[in-house]
Amino acid sequence: MESSGGCAASEPFALRVLGDSMLPEFAEGAVIIIDPAGTIRDGCYVMAEVKNEYIFRQLRIVDDKYYLQPLNDLYDTVEISGQDVIQGVVTQKAGRRRKEHKHYGKD
């Protein structure tokens, strides 16, 4: 993922998806909007820091344990210590065409 840079810690920011771990929902090159103050809940898409690396996954909470799950079955699900490693929640995906745009996390 590439950061757009220059944002305050609490401001939403954009990243470009690298790799295929989140296919089919998020193709490589898609732009996602991350909100550091977004609501963290089971099933939301998050950016987290794991072993000094930033990764983008779907958050799963099972029996009070936290997991980062890829959408692509070729990648492993990782258990994390909790919300402390989550840097932000994906609120939007932008594509080249309007029909590719999608919002997340709104009830």
C-alpha atoms as a PDB file:
ATOM      1  CA  MET A   1       0.000   0.000   0.000  1.00  0.00           C
ATOM      2  CA  GLU A   2       1.220   3.474  -0.798  1.00  0.00           C
ATOM      3  CA  SER A   3       0.331   6.381   1.469  1.00  0.00           C
ATOM      4  CA  SER A   4      -0.766   9.712   0.087  1.00  0.00           C
ATOM      5  CA  GLY A   5       1.288  11.371   2.883  1.00  0.00           C
ATOM      6  CA  GLY A   6       1.021  14.712   4.628  1.00  0.00           C
ATOM      7  CA  CYS A   7      -2.142  13.993   6.653  1.00  0.00           C
ATOM      8  CA  ALA A   8      -2.713  14.555  10.348  1.00  0.00           C
ATOM      9  CA  ALA A   9      -3.063  11.338  12.348  1.00  0.00           C
ATOM     10  CA  SER A  10      -6.829  11.688  12.804  1.00  0.00           C
ATOM     11  CA  GLU A  11      -7.641  12.716   9.230  1.00  0.00           C
ATOM     12  CA  PRO A  12      -8.905  10.188   6.658  1.00  0.00           C
ATOM     13  CA  PHE A  13      -6.309   9.284   4.043  1.00  0.00           C
ATOM     14  CA  ALA A  14      -6.078   7.314   0.800  1.00  0.00           C
ATOM     15  CA  LEU A  15      -4.059   4.195   0.027  1.00  0.00           C
ATOM     16  CA  ARG A  16      -3.616   2.200  -3.142  1.00  0.00           C
ATOM     17  CA  VAL A  17      -4.166  -1.557  -2.781  1.00  0.00           C
ATOM     18  CA  LEU A  18      -1.087  -3.624  -3.587  1.00  0.00           C
ATOM     19  CA  GLY A  19      -1.265  -7.360  -4.182  1.00  0.00           C
ATOM     20  CA  ASP A  20      -4.175  -9.778  -4.464  1.00  0.00           C
ATOM     21  CA  SER A  21      -4.883 -10.722  -0.839  1.00  0.00           C
ATOM     22  CA  MET A  22      -8.232  -8.898  -0.845  1.00  0.00           C
ATOM     23  CA  LEU A  23      -9.606 -10.176  -4.161  1.00  0.00           C
ATOM     24  CA  PRO A  24     -12.298 -10.229  -5.405  1.00  0.00           C
ATOM     25  CA  GLU A  25     -13.638  -7.180  -3.507  1.00  0.00           C
ATOM     26  CA  PHE A  26     -10.461  -5.075  -3.771  1.00  0.00           C
ATOM     27  CA  ALA A  27      -8.324  -5.435  -6.893  1.00  0.00           C
ATOM     28  CA  GLU A  28      -4.700  -4.341  -7.022  1.00  0.00           C
ATOM     29  CA  GLY A  29      -4.570  -0.638  -7.820  1.00  0.00           C
ATOM     30  CA  ALA A  30      -7.921   0.195  -6.213  1.00  0.00           C
ATOM     31  CA  VAL A  31      -7.872   3.299  -4.035  1.00  0.00           C
ATOM     32  CA  ILE A  32      -9.290   2.925  -0.525  1.00  0.00           C
ATOM     33  CA  ILE A  33     -10.093   5.644   2.001  1.00  0.00           C
ATOM     34  CA  ILE A  34      -9.009   4.893   5.586  1.00  0.00           C
ATOM     35  CA  ASP A  35     -10.567   6.675   8.571  1.00  0.00           C
ATOM     36  CA  PRO A  36      -8.368   6.433  11.701  1.00  0.00           C
ATOM     37  CA  ALA A  37     -11.423   7.324  13.812  1.00  0.00           C
ATOM     38  CA  GLY A  38     -13.735   4.811  12.095  1.00  0.00           C
ATOM     39  CA  THR A  39     -15.891   2.396  14.088  1.00  0.00           C
ATOM     40  CA  ILE A  40     -14.110  -0.914  14.575  1.00  0.00           C
ATOM     41  CA  ARG A  41     -16.430  -3.924  14.443  1.00  0.00           C
ATOM     42  CA  ASP A  42     -16.549  -7.512  13.258  1.00  0.00           C
ATOM     43  CA  GLY A  43     -16.556  -7.721   9.466  1.00  0.00           C
ATOM     44  CA  CYS A  44     -15.202  -4.250   8.747  1.00  0.00           C
ATOM     45  CA  TYR A  45     -12.162  -3.752   6.539  1.00  0.00           C
ATOM     46  CA  VAL A  46      -9.142  -2.359   8.369  1.00  0.00           C
ATOM     47  CA  MET A  47      -5.538  -1.351   7.994  1.00  0.00           C
ATOM     48  CA  ALA A  48      -3.396  -2.712  10.808  1.00  0.00           C
ATOM     49  CA  GLU A  49       0.252  -2.721  11.802  1.00  0.00           C
ATOM     50  CA  VAL A  50       1.546  -6.272  12.268  1.00  0.00           C
ATOM     51  CA  LYS A  51       5.241  -7.007  12.809  1.00  0.00           C
ATOM     52  CA  ASN A  52       6.224  -3.508  11.641  1.00  0.00           C
ATOM     53  CA  GLU A  53       4.259  -3.928   8.402  1.00  0.00           C
ATOM     54  CA  TYR A  54       0.953  -2.354   7.401  1.00  0.00           C
ATOM     55  CA  ILE A  55      -1.630  -4.800   6.074  1.00  0.00           C
ATOM     56  CA  PHE A  56      -5.169  -4.429   4.783  1.00  0.00           C
ATOM     57  CA  ARG A  57      -7.635  -7.161   5.807  1.00  0.00           C
ATOM     58  CA  GLN A  58     -11.140  -7.878   7.030  1.00  0.00           C
ATOM     59  CA  LEU A  59     -11.437  -7.858  10.814  1.00  0.00           C
ATOM     60  CA  ARG A  60     -13.078 -10.897  12.399  1.00  0.00           C
ATOM     61  CA  ILE A  61     -13.864 -10.991  16.114  1.00  0.00           C
ATOM     62  CA  VAL A  62     -14.558 -14.490  17.453  1.00  0.00           C
ATOM     63  CA  ASP A  63     -14.835 -15.315  21.179  1.00  0.00           C
ATOM     64  CA  ASP A  64     -13.133 -12.024  22.119  1.00  0.00           C
ATOM     65  CA  LYS A  65     -10.169 -12.819  19.852  1.00  0.00           C
ATOM     66  CA  TYR A  66      -9.239 -10.584  16.925  1.00  0.00           C
ATOM     67  CA  TYR A  67      -8.233 -11.869  13.494  1.00  0.00           C
ATOM     68  CA  LEU A  68      -7.190 -10.233  10.230  1.00  0.00           C
ATOM     69  CA  GLN A  69      -8.674 -12.305   7.428  1.00  0.00           C
ATOM     70  CA  PRO A  70      -7.815 -11.962   3.741  1.00  0.00           C
ATOM     71  CA  LEU A  71     -10.598 -12.405   1.195  1.00  0.00           C
ATOM     72  CA  ASN A  72      -8.281 -14.468  -1.018  1.00  0.00           C
ATOM     73  CA  ASP A  73      -7.992 -18.016   0.385  1.00  0.00           C
ATOM     74  CA  LEU A  74      -4.360 -18.239  -0.764  1.00  0.00           C
ATOM     75  CA  TYR A  75      -3.363 -16.053   2.219  1.00  0.00           C
ATOM     76  CA  ASP A  76      -3.392 -16.871   5.928  1.00  0.00           C
ATOM     77  CA  THR A  77      -5.599 -15.357   8.597  1.00  0.00           C
ATOM     78  CA  VAL A  78      -3.514 -13.680  11.326  1.00  0.00           C
ATOM     79  CA  GLU A  79      -4.498 -13.372  14.988  1.00  0.00           C
ATOM     80  CA  ILE A  80      -3.797  -9.938  16.487  1.00  0.00           C
ATOM     81  CA  SER A  81      -3.665  -8.696  20.075  1.00  0.00           C
ATOM     82  CA  GLY A  82      -6.715  -6.454  19.681  1.00  0.00           C
ATOM     83  CA  GLN A  83      -7.824  -3.063  18.442  1.00  0.00           C
ATOM     84  CA  ASP A  84      -4.519  -1.475  19.442  1.00  0.00           C
ATOM     85  CA  VAL A  85      -2.848  -2.564  16.158  1.00  0.00           C
ATOM     86  CA  ILE A  86      -5.659  -1.233  13.964  1.00  0.00           C
ATOM     87  CA  GLN A  87      -4.660   2.034  12.315  1.00  0.00           C
ATOM     88  CA  GLY A  88      -7.970   2.778  10.620  1.00  0.00           C
ATOM     89  CA  VAL A  89     -11.148   1.497   9.017  1.00  0.00           C
ATOM     90  CA  VAL A  90     -11.843   1.435   5.285  1.00  0.00           C
ATOM     91  CA  THR A  91     -14.804   3.715   4.586  1.00  0.00           C
ATOM     92  CA  GLN A  92     -14.699   3.889   0.802  1.00  0.00           C
ATOM     93  CA  LYS A  93     -13.331   2.294  -2.360  1.00  0.00           C
ATOM     94  CA  ALA A  94     -12.781   4.400  -5.447  1.00  0.00           C
ATOM     95  CA  GLY A  95     -12.545   2.982  -8.935  1.00  0.00           C
ATOM     96  CA  ARG A  96     -12.031   4.309 -12.419  1.00  0.00           C
ATOM     97  CA  ARG A  97     -15.776   4.259 -13.003  1.00  0.00           C
ATOM     98  CA  ARG A  98     -18.583   5.464 -10.784  1.00  0.00           C
ATOM     99  CA  LYS A  99     -20.092   1.964 -10.582  1.00  0.00           C
ATOM    100  CA  GLU A 100     -16.827   0.756  -9.008  1.00  0.00           C
ATOM    101  CA  HIS A 101     -17.156   3.228  -6.109  1.00  0.00           C
ATOM    102  CA  LYS A 102     -18.392   1.725  -2.850  1.00  0.00           C
ATOM    103  CA  HIS A 103     -18.891   2.918   0.736  1.00  0.00           C
ATOM    104  CA  TYR A 104     -18.292   0.721   3.800  1.00  0.00           C
ATOM    105  CA  GLY A 105     -19.180   0.893   7.462  1.00  0.00           C
ATOM    106  CA  LYS A 106     -22.379   2.919   7.177  1.00  0.00           C
ATOM    107  CA  ASP A 107     -25.517   1.398   8.694  1.00  0.00           C
END
